[in-house]
PDB file of N, CA and C in Angstrom:
ATOM      1  N   UNK A   1       0.849  -1.185   0.000  1.00  0.00           N
ATOM      2  CA  UNK A   1       0.000   0.000   0.000  1.00  0.00           C
ATOM      3  C   UNK A   1       0.886   1.238   0.000  1.00  0.00           C
ATOM      4  N   UNK A   2       0.669   2.121  -0.943  1.00  0.00           N
ATOM      5  CA  UNK A   2       1.432   3.359  -1.055  1.00  0.00           C
ATOM      6  C   UNK A   2       0.618   4.507  -0.483  1.00  0.00           C
ATOM      7  N   UNK A   3       1.272   5.320   0.335  1.00  0.00           N
ATOM      8  CA  UNK A   3       0.604   6.447   0.977  1.00  0.00           C
ATOM      9  C   UNK A   3       1.365   7.731   0.676  1.00  0.00           C
ATOM     10  N   UNK A   4       0.621   8.814   0.549  1.00  0.00           N
ATOM     11  CA  UNK A   4       1.187  10.143   0.374  1.00  0.00           C
ATOM     12  C   UNK A   4       0.868  10.937   1.629  1.00  0.00           C
ATOM     13  N   UNK A   5       1.885  11.563   2.212  1.00  0.00           N
ATOM     14  CA  UNK A   5       1.704  12.380   3.405  1.00  0.00           C
ATOM     15  C   UNK A   5       2.097  13.817   3.089  1.00  0.00           C
ATOM     16  N   UNK A   6       1.274  14.743   3.525  1.00  0.00           N
ATOM     17  CA  UNK A   6       1.570  16.168   3.401  1.00  0.00           C
ATOM     18  C   UNK A   6       1.389  16.769   4.785  1.00  0.00           C
ATOM     19  N   UNK A   7       2.426  17.443   5.280  1.00  0.00           N
ATOM     20  CA  UNK A   7       2.322  18.104   6.579  1.00  0.00           C
ATOM     21  C   UNK A   7       2.547  19.598   6.412  1.00  0.00           C
ATOM     22  N   UNK A   8       1.719  20.365   7.104  1.00  0.00           N
ATOM     23  CA  UNK A   8       1.822  21.819   7.098  1.00  0.00           C
ATOM     24  C   UNK A   8       1.885  22.269   8.547  1.00  0.00           C
ATOM     25  N   UNK A   9       2.906  23.070   8.868  1.00  0.00           N
ATOM     26  CA  UNK A   9       3.054  23.569  10.236  1.00  0.00           C
ATOM     27  C   UNK A   9       3.017  25.093  10.218  1.00  0.00           C
ATOM     28  N   UNK A  10       2.277  25.660  11.158  1.00  0.00           N
ATOM     29  CA  UNK A  10       2.258  27.113  11.266  1.00  0.00           C
ATOM     30  C   UNK A  10       3.100  27.542  12.466  1.00  0.00           C
ATOM     31  N   UNK A  11       3.157  28.832  12.698  1.00  0.00           N
ATOM     32  CA  UNK A  11       3.927  29.360  13.827  1.00  0.00           C
ATOM     33  C   UNK A  11       3.025  30.125  14.780  1.00  0.00           C
ATOM     34  N   UNK A  12       1.771  29.727  14.844  1.00  0.00           N
ATOM     35  CA  UNK A  12       0.792  30.451  15.641  1.00  0.00           C
ATOM     36  C   UNK A  12       0.692  30.044  17.096  1.00  0.00           C
ATOM     37  N   UNK A  13       1.599  29.229  17.592  1.00  0.00           N
ATOM     38  CA  UNK A  13       1.565  28.865  19.003  1.00  0.00           C
ATOM     39  C   UNK A  13       0.831  27.569  19.298  1.00  0.00           C
ATOM     40  N   UNK A  14       0.185  26.985  18.313  1.00  0.00           N
ATOM     41  CA  UNK A  14      -0.467  25.689  18.516  1.00  0.00           C
ATOM     42  C   UNK A  14      -1.926  25.792  18.912  1.00  0.00           C
ATOM     43  N   UNK A  15      -2.494  24.626  19.173  1.00  0.00           N
ATOM     44  CA  UNK A  15      -3.906  24.497  19.535  1.00  0.00           C
ATOM     45  C   UNK A  15      -3.977  24.035  20.982  1.00  0.00           C
ATOM     46  N   UNK A  16      -4.807  24.680  21.761  1.00  0.00           N
ATOM     47  CA  UNK A  16      -4.979  24.282  23.158  1.00  0.00           C
ATOM     48  C   UNK A  16      -5.308  22.792  23.218  1.00  0.00           C
ATOM     49  N   UNK A  17      -4.608  22.061  24.054  1.00  0.00           N
ATOM     50  CA  UNK A  17      -4.783  20.603  24.151  1.00  0.00           C
ATOM     51  C   UNK A  17      -6.236  20.206  24.386  1.00  0.00           C
ATOM     52  N   UNK A  18      -6.977  20.997  25.143  1.00  0.00           N
ATOM     53  CA  UNK A  18      -8.374  20.646  25.424  1.00  0.00           C
ATOM     54  C   UNK A  18      -9.255  20.768  24.179  1.00  0.00           C
ATOM     55  N   UNK A  19      -8.774  21.473  23.158  1.00  0.00           N
ATOM     56  CA  UNK A  19      -9.550  21.670  21.929  1.00  0.00           C
ATOM     57  C   UNK A  19      -9.131  20.748  20.784  1.00  0.00           C
ATOM     58  N   UNK A  20      -7.982  20.102  20.888  1.00  0.00           N
ATOM     59  CA  UNK A  20      -7.476  19.289  19.778  1.00  0.00           C
ATOM     60  C   UNK A  20      -8.474  18.242  19.305  1.00  0.00           C
ATOM     61  N   UNK A  21      -9.185  17.624  20.203  1.00  0.00           N
ATOM     62  CA  UNK A  21     -10.132  16.568  19.815  1.00  0.00           C
ATOM     63  C   UNK A  21     -11.426  17.134  19.233  1.00  0.00           C
ATOM     64  N   UNK A  22     -11.590  18.449  19.269  1.00  0.00           N
ATOM     65  CA  UNK A  22     -12.849  19.064  18.833  1.00  0.00           C
ATOM     66  C   UNK A  22     -12.728  19.919  17.576  1.00  0.00           C
ATOM     67  N   UNK A  23     -11.526  20.174  17.096  1.00  0.00           N
ATOM     68  CA  UNK A  23     -11.351  21.178  16.039  1.00  0.00           C
ATOM     69  C   UNK A  23     -11.984  20.805  14.706  1.00  0.00           C
ATOM     70  N   UNK A  24     -12.247  19.522  14.473  1.00  0.00           N
ATOM     71  CA  UNK A  24     -12.868  19.112  13.216  1.00  0.00           C
ATOM     72  C   UNK A  24     -14.388  19.005  13.332  1.00  0.00           C
ATOM     73  N   UNK A  25     -14.933  19.306  14.497  1.00  0.00           N
ATOM     74  CA  UNK A  25     -16.388  19.282  14.682  1.00  0.00           C
ATOM     75  C   UNK A  25     -17.019  20.518  14.040  1.00  0.00           C
ATOM     76  N   UNK A  26     -18.137  20.330  13.316  1.00  0.00           N
ATOM     77  CA  UNK A  26     -18.822  21.488  12.734  1.00  0.00           C
ATOM     78  C   UNK A  26     -19.217  22.496  13.815  1.00  0.00           C
ATOM     79  N   UNK A  27     -19.013  23.742  13.528  1.00  0.00           N
ATOM     80  CA  UNK A  27     -19.388  24.881  14.368  1.00  0.00           C
ATOM     81  C   UNK A  27     -18.510  25.051  15.606  1.00  0.00           C
ATOM     82  N   UNK A  28     -17.444  24.265  15.740  1.00  0.00           N
ATOM     83  CA  UNK A  28     -16.520  24.495  16.853  1.00  0.00           C
ATOM     84  C   UNK A  28     -15.583  25.637  16.478  1.00  0.00           C
ATOM     85  N   UNK A  29     -15.500  26.617  17.331  1.00  0.00           N
ATOM     86  CA  UNK A  29     -14.593  27.740  17.108  1.00  0.00           C
ATOM     87  C   UNK A  29     -14.188  28.344  18.441  1.00  0.00           C
ATOM     88  N   UNK A  30     -13.036  28.962  18.460  1.00  0.00           N
ATOM     89  CA  UNK A  30     -12.594  29.727  19.625  1.00  0.00           C
ATOM     90  C   UNK A  30     -12.568  31.216  19.288  1.00  0.00           C
ATOM     91  N   UNK A  31     -12.990  31.542  18.068  1.00  0.00           N
ATOM     92  CA  UNK A  31     -12.972  32.929  17.608  1.00  0.00           C
ATOM     93  C   UNK A  31     -14.366  33.534  17.689  1.00  0.00           C
ATOM     94  N   UNK A  32     -14.402  34.823  17.960  1.00  0.00           N
ATOM     95  CA  UNK A  32     -15.676  35.519  18.108  1.00  0.00           C
ATOM     96  C   UNK A  32     -16.425  35.657  16.781  1.00  0.00           C
ATOM     97  N   UNK A  33     -15.701  35.919  15.707  1.00  0.00           N
ATOM     98  CA  UNK A  33     -16.345  36.134  14.405  1.00  0.00           C
ATOM     99  C   UNK A  33     -16.011  34.994  13.451  1.00  0.00           C
ATOM    100  N   UNK A  34     -16.451  33.809  13.787  1.00  0.00           N
ATOM    101  CA  UNK A  34     -16.182  32.630  12.964  1.00  0.00           C
ATOM    102  C   UNK A  34     -17.348  31.665  13.093  1.00  0.00           C
ATOM    103  N   UNK A  35     -17.617  30.948  12.026  1.00  0.00           N
ATOM    104  CA  UNK A  35     -18.688  29.952  12.061  1.00  0.00           C
ATOM    105  C   UNK A  35     -18.168  28.569  12.440  1.00  0.00           C
ATOM    106  N   UNK A  36     -16.858  28.367  12.435  1.00  0.00           N
ATOM    107  CA  UNK A  36     -16.303  27.073  12.797  1.00  0.00           C
ATOM    108  C   UNK A  36     -16.577  25.985  11.780  1.00  0.00           C
ATOM    109  N   UNK A  37     -16.563  26.341  10.513  1.00  0.00           N
ATOM    110  CA  UNK A  37     -16.871  25.354   9.474  1.00  0.00           C
ATOM    111  C   UNK A  37     -15.660  24.936   8.642  1.00  0.00           C
ATOM    112  N   UNK A  38     -14.629  25.743   8.576  1.00  0.00           N
ATOM    113  CA  UNK A  38     -13.505  25.485   7.677  1.00  0.00           C
ATOM    114  C   UNK A  38     -12.851  24.130   7.860  1.00  0.00           C
ATOM    115  N   UNK A  39     -12.417  23.817   9.072  1.00  0.00           N
ATOM    116  CA  UNK A  39     -11.738  22.545   9.301  1.00  0.00           C
ATOM    117  C   UNK A  39     -12.684  21.363   9.176  1.00  0.00           C
ATOM    118  N   UNK A  40     -13.939  21.535   9.570  1.00  0.00           N
ATOM    119  CA  UNK A  40     -14.883  20.413   9.444  1.00  0.00           C
ATOM    120  C   UNK A  40     -15.172  20.112   7.975  1.00  0.00           C
ATOM    121  N   UNK A  41     -15.238  21.140   7.142  1.00  0.00           N
ATOM    122  CA  UNK A  41     -15.449  20.932   5.704  1.00  0.00           C
ATOM    123  C   UNK A  41     -14.220  20.264   5.088  1.00  0.00           C
ATOM    124  N   UNK A  42     -13.032  20.741   5.433  1.00  0.00           N
ATOM    125  CA  UNK A  42     -11.803  20.125   4.921  1.00  0.00           C
ATOM    126  C   UNK A  42     -11.726  18.659   5.337  1.00  0.00           C
ATOM    127  N   UNK A  43     -12.055  18.370   6.588  1.00  0.00           N
ATOM    128  CA  UNK A  43     -12.031  16.997   7.099  1.00  0.00           C
ATOM    129  C   UNK A  43     -12.982  16.105   6.306  1.00  0.00           C
ATOM    130  N   UNK A  44     -14.174  16.617   6.055  1.00  0.00           N
ATOM    131  CA  UNK A  44     -15.179  15.834   5.323  1.00  0.00           C
ATOM    132  C   UNK A  44     -14.739  15.569   3.885  1.00  0.00           C
ATOM    133  N   UNK A  45     -14.228  16.580   3.200  1.00  0.00           N
ATOM    134  CA  UNK A  45     -13.785  16.417   1.813  1.00  0.00           C
ATOM    135  C   UNK A  45     -12.649  15.400   1.728  1.00  0.00           C
ATOM    136  N   UNK A  46     -11.677  15.523   2.607  1.00  0.00           N
ATOM    137  CA  UNK A  46     -10.544  14.597   2.599  1.00  0.00           C
ATOM    138  C   UNK A  46     -11.013  13.185   2.920  1.00  0.00           C
ATOM    139  N   UNK A  47     -11.904  13.053   3.889  1.00  0.00           N
ATOM    140  CA  UNK A  47     -12.453  11.747   4.254  1.00  0.00           C
ATOM    141  C   UNK A  47     -13.213  11.119   3.081  1.00  0.00           C
ATOM    142  N   UNK A  48     -13.956  11.916   2.331  1.00  0.00           N
ATOM    143  CA  UNK A  48     -14.711  11.414   1.181  1.00  0.00           C
ATOM    144  C   UNK A  48     -13.795  10.925   0.054  1.00  0.00           C
ATOM    145  N   UNK A  49     -12.540  11.331   0.090  1.00  0.00           N
ATOM    146  CA  UNK A  49     -11.551  10.866  -0.882  1.00  0.00           C
ATOM    147  C   UNK A  49     -10.642   9.801  -0.261  1.00  0.00           C
ATOM    148  N   UNK A  50     -11.167   9.142   0.769  1.00  0.00           N
ATOM    149  CA  UNK A  50     -10.449   8.068   1.475  1.00  0.00           C
ATOM    150  C   UNK A  50      -9.132   8.534   2.076  1.00  0.00           C
ATOM    151  N   UNK A  51      -9.094   9.781   2.488  1.00  0.00           N
ATOM    152  CA  UNK A  51      -7.907  10.325   3.128  1.00  0.00           C
ATOM    153  C   UNK A  51      -8.143  10.558   4.605  1.00  0.00           C
ATOM    154  N   UNK A  52      -7.096  11.011   5.259  1.00  0.00           N
ATOM    155  CA  UNK A  52      -7.177  11.337   6.678  1.00  0.00           C
ATOM    156  C   UNK A  52      -6.603  12.726   6.892  1.00  0.00           C
ATOM    157  N   UNK A  53      -7.208  13.474   7.786  1.00  0.00           N
ATOM    158  CA  UNK A  53      -6.700  14.775   8.204  1.00  0.00           C
ATOM    159  C   UNK A  53      -6.555  14.734   9.712  1.00  0.00           C
ATOM    160  N   UNK A  54      -5.354  14.965  10.195  1.00  0.00           N
ATOM    161  CA  UNK A  54      -5.109  14.960  11.631  1.00  0.00           C
ATOM    162  C   UNK A  54      -4.369  16.236  12.014  1.00  0.00           C
ATOM    163  N   UNK A  55      -4.395  16.542  13.302  1.00  0.00           N
ATOM    164  CA  UNK A  55      -3.708  17.728  13.808  1.00  0.00           C
ATOM    165  C   UNK A  55      -3.009  17.387  15.112  1.00  0.00           C
ATOM    166  N   UNK A  56      -1.868  18.031  15.311  1.00  0.00           N
ATOM    167  CA  UNK A  56      -1.138  17.906  16.570  1.00  0.00           C
ATOM    168  C   UNK A  56      -0.325  19.183  16.754  1.00  0.00           C
ATOM    169  N   UNK A  57       0.207  19.371  17.915  1.00  0.00           N
ATOM    170  CA  UNK A  57       1.049  20.526  18.170  1.00  0.00           C
ATOM    171  C   UNK A  57       2.507  20.167  17.942  1.00  0.00           C
ATOM    172  N   UNK A  58       3.214  21.076  17.303  1.00  0.00           N
ATOM    173  CA  UNK A  58       4.648  20.923  17.088  1.00  0.00           C
ATOM    174  C   UNK A  58       5.405  21.892  17.972  1.00  0.00           C
ATOM    175  N   UNK A  59       6.662  22.102  17.671  1.00  0.00           N
ATOM    176  CA  UNK A  59       7.490  22.981  18.496  1.00  0.00           C
ATOM    177  C   UNK A  59       7.167  24.458  18.287  1.00  0.00           C
ATOM    178  N   UNK A  60       6.611  24.811  17.112  1.00  0.00           N
ATOM    179  CA  UNK A  60       6.317  26.213  16.812  1.00  0.00           C
ATOM    180  C   UNK A  60       4.829  26.518  16.735  1.00  0.00           C
ATOM    181  N   UNK A  61       4.041  25.517  16.401  1.00  0.00           N
ATOM    182  CA  UNK A  61       2.615  25.750  16.211  1.00  0.00           C
ATOM    183  C   UNK A  61       1.899  24.467  15.881  1.00  0.00           C
ATOM    184  N   UNK A  62       0.754  24.589  15.251  1.00  0.00           N
ATOM    185  CA  UNK A  62      -0.053  23.424  14.891  1.00  0.00           C
ATOM    186  C   UNK A  62       0.511  22.757  13.643  1.00  0.00           C
ATOM    187  N   UNK A  63       0.424  21.437  13.617  1.00  0.00           N
ATOM    188  CA  UNK A  63       0.832  20.660  12.449  1.00  0.00           C
ATOM    189  C   UNK A  63      -0.387  19.903  11.952  1.00  0.00           C
ATOM    190  N   UNK A  64      -0.750  20.142  10.706  1.00  0.00           N
ATOM    191  CA  UNK A  64      -1.852  19.415  10.072  1.00  0.00           C
ATOM    192  C   UNK A  64      -1.253  18.422   9.094  1.00  0.00           C
ATOM    193  N   UNK A  65      -1.735  17.189   9.178  1.00  0.00           N
ATOM    194  CA  UNK A  65      -1.223  16.114   8.319  1.00  0.00           C
ATOM    195  C   UNK A  65      -2.352  15.559   7.468  1.00  0.00           C
ATOM    196  N   UNK A  66      -2.137  15.571   6.161  1.00  0.00           N
ATOM    197  CA  UNK A  66      -3.066  14.964   5.206  1.00  0.00           C
ATOM    198  C   UNK A  66      -2.440  13.657   4.747  1.00  0.00           C
ATOM    199  N   UNK A  67      -3.250  12.615   4.680  1.00  0.00           N
ATOM    200  CA  UNK A  67      -2.760  11.299   4.281  1.00  0.00           C
ATOM    201  C   UNK A  67      -3.713  10.713   3.250  1.00  0.00           C
ATOM    202  N   UNK A  68      -3.140  10.269   2.129  1.00  0.00           N
ATOM    203  CA  UNK A  68      -3.939   9.690   1.054  1.00  0.00           C
ATOM    204  C   UNK A  68      -3.300   8.402   0.561  1.00  0.00           C
ATOM    205  N   UNK A  69      -4.141   7.481   0.125  1.00  0.00           N
ATOM    206  CA  UNK A  69      -3.651   6.296  -0.553  1.00  0.00           C
ATOM    207  C   UNK A  69      -3.324   6.695  -1.988  1.00  0.00           C
ATOM    208  N   UNK A  70      -2.182   6.247  -2.483  1.00  0.00           N
ATOM    209  CA  UNK A  70      -1.744   6.588  -3.831  1.00  0.00           C
ATOM    210  C   UNK A  70      -1.894   5.363  -4.717  1.00  0.00           C
ATOM    211  N   UNK A  71      -2.657   5.521  -5.787  1.00  0.00           N
ATOM    212  CA  UNK A  71      -2.858   4.414  -6.720  1.00  0.00           C
ATOM    213  C   UNK A  71      -1.889   4.484  -7.889  1.00  0.00           C
ATOM    214  N   UNK A  72      -1.486   5.669  -8.263  1.00  0.00           N
ATOM    215  CA  UNK A  72      -0.583   5.861  -9.394  1.00  0.00           C
ATOM    216  C   UNK A  72       0.852   5.626  -8.931  1.00  0.00           C
ATOM    217  N   UNK A  73       1.530   4.668  -9.517  1.00  0.00           N
ATOM    218  CA  UNK A  73       2.887   4.321  -9.091  1.00  0.00           C
ATOM    219  C   UNK A  73       3.886   5.455  -9.341  1.00  0.00           C
ATOM    220  N   UNK A  74       3.517   6.420 -10.171  1.00  0.00           N
ATOM    221  CA  UNK A  74       4.391   7.551 -10.430  1.00  0.00           C
ATOM    222  C   UNK A  74       4.647   8.346  -9.149  1.00  0.00           C
ATOM    223  N   UNK A  75       3.684   8.369  -8.238  1.00  0.00           N
ATOM    224  CA  UNK A  75       3.811   9.132  -7.005  1.00  0.00           C
ATOM    225  C   UNK A  75       4.287   8.288  -5.840  1.00  0.00           C
ATOM    226  N   UNK A  76       4.422   7.008  -6.011  1.00  0.00           N
ATOM    227  CA  UNK A  76       4.787   6.110  -4.908  1.00  0.00           C
ATOM    228  C   UNK A  76       6.278   6.144  -4.651  1.00  0.00           C
TER     229      UNK A  76
END
């Protein structure tokens, strides 16, 4: 099985540990002027393509990891 991993890390200080398990829930937000839909929509789209979207804290900020199964051997 061939997998493609993409990781993106920001420098925003990370995600509060108590919120990490909730950030992909629809309407979850810590911001006053936000609907809390962006990450839940991204999670759903990636999931519908048999991928995974996960988040964790790194040394500088949040790290988002996208994981997909690769069928084309050119990318393996």
